[in-house]
Amino acid sequence: MLDELRACVVEAAEDDWVYFAELVGMVREITGRSDDLLDRTGRAAARLVRDGRLVPGTLTEAEGFIAWETGPAESAARIEREVAALERAGVWPQPGDVCWFDRPGG
């Protein structure tokens, strides 16, 4: 699943930045499953960030995509914490929640 998700995200990121909630839909489409969807997406996103396959950041009106200044391991841990907080609250991510993604060198 991870390779297929990476390919989907990289393809989508060629046109525009990708927000975390989009990944949720991609994981559902790839796996055909909805159980533990948020957790699986968070773990997959964190892994892709740790492996340097995706760059997490924030999106601003003035500057567009701004990569987080943290390294891959710390950024991945942040994603995992934010996803866990959404799960505890019983909230599905909205555009802009958790983070946005760009491809490396994007």
C-alpha atoms as a PDB file:
ATOM      1  CA  MET A   1       0.000   0.000   0.000  1.00  0.00           C
ATOM      2  CA  LEU A   2       2.807   2.418   0.847  1.00  0.00           C
ATOM      3  CA  ASP A   3       4.309   2.421  -2.646  1.00  0.00           C
ATOM      4  CA  GLU A   4       0.921   2.891  -4.260  1.00  0.00           C
ATOM      5  CA  LEU A   5       0.056   5.716  -1.851  1.00  0.00           C
ATOM      6  CA  ARG A   6       3.386   7.411  -2.512  1.00  0.00           C
ATOM      7  CA  ALA A   7       2.777   7.212  -6.257  1.00  0.00           C
ATOM      8  CA  CYS A   8      -0.715   8.709  -5.863  1.00  0.00           C
ATOM      9  CA  VAL A   9       0.511  11.539  -3.648  1.00  0.00           C
ATOM     10  CA  VAL A  10       3.491  12.359  -5.841  1.00  0.00           C
ATOM     11  CA  GLU A  11       1.239  12.435  -8.901  1.00  0.00           C
ATOM     12  CA  ALA A  12      -1.277  14.692  -7.144  1.00  0.00           C
ATOM     13  CA  ALA A  13       1.529  16.933  -5.841  1.00  0.00           C
ATOM     14  CA  GLU A  14       2.747  17.559  -9.387  1.00  0.00           C
ATOM     15  CA  ASP A  15      -0.317  19.770  -9.875  1.00  0.00           C
ATOM     16  CA  ASP A  16      -0.873  21.155  -6.378  1.00  0.00           C
ATOM     17  CA  TRP A  17      -0.027  20.599  -2.729  1.00  0.00           C
ATOM     18  CA  VAL A  18      -1.850  17.743  -1.037  1.00  0.00           C
ATOM     19  CA  TYR A  19      -3.583  18.056   2.317  1.00  0.00           C
ATOM     20  CA  PHE A  20      -3.727  15.241   4.866  1.00  0.00           C
ATOM     21  CA  ALA A  21      -7.474  14.656   4.439  1.00  0.00           C
ATOM     22  CA  GLU A  22      -6.813  13.877   0.758  1.00  0.00           C
ATOM     23  CA  LEU A  23      -4.500  11.079   1.875  1.00  0.00           C
ATOM     24  CA  VAL A  24      -7.354   9.578   3.872  1.00  0.00           C
ATOM     25  CA  GLY A  25      -9.365   9.279   0.663  1.00  0.00           C
ATOM     26  CA  MET A  26      -6.390   7.848  -1.207  1.00  0.00           C
ATOM     27  CA  VAL A  27      -5.818   5.172   1.444  1.00  0.00           C
ATOM     28  CA  ARG A  28      -9.506   4.241   1.370  1.00  0.00           C
ATOM     29  CA  GLU A  29      -9.436   3.978  -2.412  1.00  0.00           C
ATOM     30  CA  ILE A  30      -6.211   1.940  -2.466  1.00  0.00           C
ATOM     31  CA  THR A  31      -7.186  -0.497   0.289  1.00  0.00           C
ATOM     32  CA  GLY A  32     -10.962  -0.569  -0.174  1.00  0.00           C
ATOM     33  CA  ARG A  33     -11.275  -0.527   3.619  1.00  0.00           C
ATOM     34  CA  SER A  34     -12.614   2.014   6.090  1.00  0.00           C
ATOM     35  CA  ASP A  35     -11.631   0.338   9.368  1.00  0.00           C
ATOM     36  CA  ASP A  36      -8.896   2.190  11.257  1.00  0.00           C
ATOM     37  CA  LEU A  37      -8.668   4.517   8.270  1.00  0.00           C
ATOM     38  CA  LEU A  38      -7.386   7.557  10.133  1.00  0.00           C
ATOM     39  CA  ASP A  39      -4.789   5.542  12.041  1.00  0.00           C
ATOM     40  CA  ARG A  40      -3.583   3.728   8.914  1.00  0.00           C
ATOM     41  CA  THR A  41      -3.340   7.006   7.006  1.00  0.00           C
ATOM     42  CA  GLY A  42      -1.425   8.682   9.824  1.00  0.00           C
ATOM     43  CA  ARG A  43       1.050   5.803  10.062  1.00  0.00           C
ATOM     44  CA  ALA A  44       1.507   5.733   6.279  1.00  0.00           C
ATOM     45  CA  ALA A  45       2.005   9.501   6.056  1.00  0.00           C
ATOM     46  CA  ALA A  46       4.504   9.435   8.914  1.00  0.00           C
ATOM     47  CA  ARG A  47       6.440   6.629   7.228  1.00  0.00           C
ATOM     48  CA  LEU A  48       6.572   8.468   3.892  1.00  0.00           C
ATOM     49  CA  VAL A  49       7.836  11.582   5.682  1.00  0.00           C
ATOM     50  CA  ARG A  50      10.431   9.585   7.676  1.00  0.00           C
ATOM     51  CA  ASP A  51      11.634   7.984   4.443  1.00  0.00           C
ATOM     52  CA  GLY A  52      11.966  11.389   2.746  1.00  0.00           C
ATOM     53  CA  ARG A  53       9.259  10.613   0.184  1.00  0.00           C
ATOM     54  CA  LEU A  54       6.996  13.510   1.260  1.00  0.00           C
ATOM     55  CA  VAL A  55       7.676  16.927   2.742  1.00  0.00           C
ATOM     56  CA  PRO A  56       5.125  18.152   5.317  1.00  0.00           C
ATOM     57  CA  GLY A  57       4.353  21.800   5.837  1.00  0.00           C
ATOM     58  CA  THR A  58       1.734  24.483   6.174  1.00  0.00           C
ATOM     59  CA  LEU A  59      -0.023  26.513   3.531  1.00  0.00           C
ATOM     60  CA  THR A  60      -0.333  30.275   3.725  1.00  0.00           C
ATOM     61  CA  GLU A  61      -2.063  32.746   1.455  1.00  0.00           C
ATOM     62  CA  ALA A  62       0.967  34.978   1.258  1.00  0.00           C
ATOM     63  CA  GLU A  63       3.737  32.439   0.736  1.00  0.00           C
ATOM     64  CA  GLY A  64       2.053  29.228  -0.386  1.00  0.00           C
ATOM     65  CA  PHE A  65       3.604  26.015   0.903  1.00  0.00           C
ATOM     66  CA  ILE A  66       6.106  26.369   3.741  1.00  0.00           C
ATOM     67  CA  ALA A  67       7.917  23.173   4.703  1.00  0.00           C
ATOM     68  CA  TRP A  68       8.214  22.444   8.403  1.00  0.00           C
ATOM     69  CA  GLU A  69      11.649  23.294   9.730  1.00  0.00           C
ATOM     70  CA  THR A  70      11.871  20.021  11.642  1.00  0.00           C
ATOM     71  CA  GLY A  71      13.652  16.962  10.320  1.00  0.00           C
ATOM     72  CA  PRO A  72      11.865  13.883   8.984  1.00  0.00           C
ATOM     73  CA  ALA A  73      11.745  11.969  12.283  1.00  0.00           C
ATOM     74  CA  GLU A  74      10.380  14.899  14.284  1.00  0.00           C
ATOM     75  CA  SER A  75       7.927  15.818  11.525  1.00  0.00           C
ATOM     76  CA  ALA A  76       6.665  12.233  11.356  1.00  0.00           C
ATOM     77  CA  ALA A  77       6.200  12.178  15.130  1.00  0.00           C
ATOM     78  CA  ARG A  78       4.224  15.428  14.913  1.00  0.00           C
ATOM     79  CA  ILE A  79       1.930  13.911  12.282  1.00  0.00           C
ATOM     80  CA  GLU A  80       1.374  10.861  14.489  1.00  0.00           C
ATOM     81  CA  ARG A  81       0.547  13.090  17.501  1.00  0.00           C
ATOM     82  CA  GLU A  82      -1.887  15.236  15.542  1.00  0.00           C
ATOM     83  CA  VAL A  83      -3.635  12.219  14.042  1.00  0.00           C
ATOM     84  CA  ALA A  84      -3.899  10.631  17.494  1.00  0.00           C
ATOM     85  CA  ALA A  85      -5.480  13.848  18.797  1.00  0.00           C
ATOM     86  CA  LEU A  86      -8.058  13.763  15.980  1.00  0.00           C
ATOM     87  CA  GLU A  87      -8.832  10.121  16.785  1.00  0.00           C
ATOM     88  CA  ARG A  88      -9.270  10.864  20.500  1.00  0.00           C
ATOM     89  CA  ALA A  89     -11.602  13.742  19.669  1.00  0.00           C
ATOM     90  CA  GLY A  90     -13.539  11.593  17.173  1.00  0.00           C
ATOM     91  CA  VAL A  91     -12.983  14.200  14.460  1.00  0.00           C
ATOM     92  CA  TRP A  92     -12.278  13.581  10.783  1.00  0.00           C
ATOM     93  CA  PRO A  93      -9.602  15.826   9.276  1.00  0.00           C
ATOM     94  CA  GLN A  94     -10.613  18.809   7.215  1.00  0.00           C
ATOM     95  CA  PRO A  95      -8.492  20.576   4.588  1.00  0.00           C
ATOM     96  CA  GLY A  96      -5.529  22.066   6.406  1.00  0.00           C
ATOM     97  CA  ASP A  97      -5.730  19.780   9.458  1.00  0.00           C
ATOM     98  CA  VAL A  98      -2.528  17.941  10.403  1.00  0.00           C
ATOM     99  CA  CYS A  99      -0.453  19.288   7.481  1.00  0.00           C
ATOM    100  CA  TRP A 100      -0.031  19.752   3.768  1.00  0.00           C
ATOM    101  CA  PHE A 101       2.422  17.752   1.662  1.00  0.00           C
ATOM    102  CA  ASP A 102       4.729  18.459  -1.223  1.00  0.00           C
ATOM    103  CA  ARG A 103       7.115  16.157  -3.001  1.00  0.00           C
ATOM    104  CA  PRO A 104      10.811  16.517  -2.215  1.00  0.00           C
ATOM    105  CA  GLY A 105      12.326  19.222  -4.370  1.00  0.00           C
ATOM    106  CA  GLY A 106       8.779  20.268  -5.280  1.00  0.00           C
END
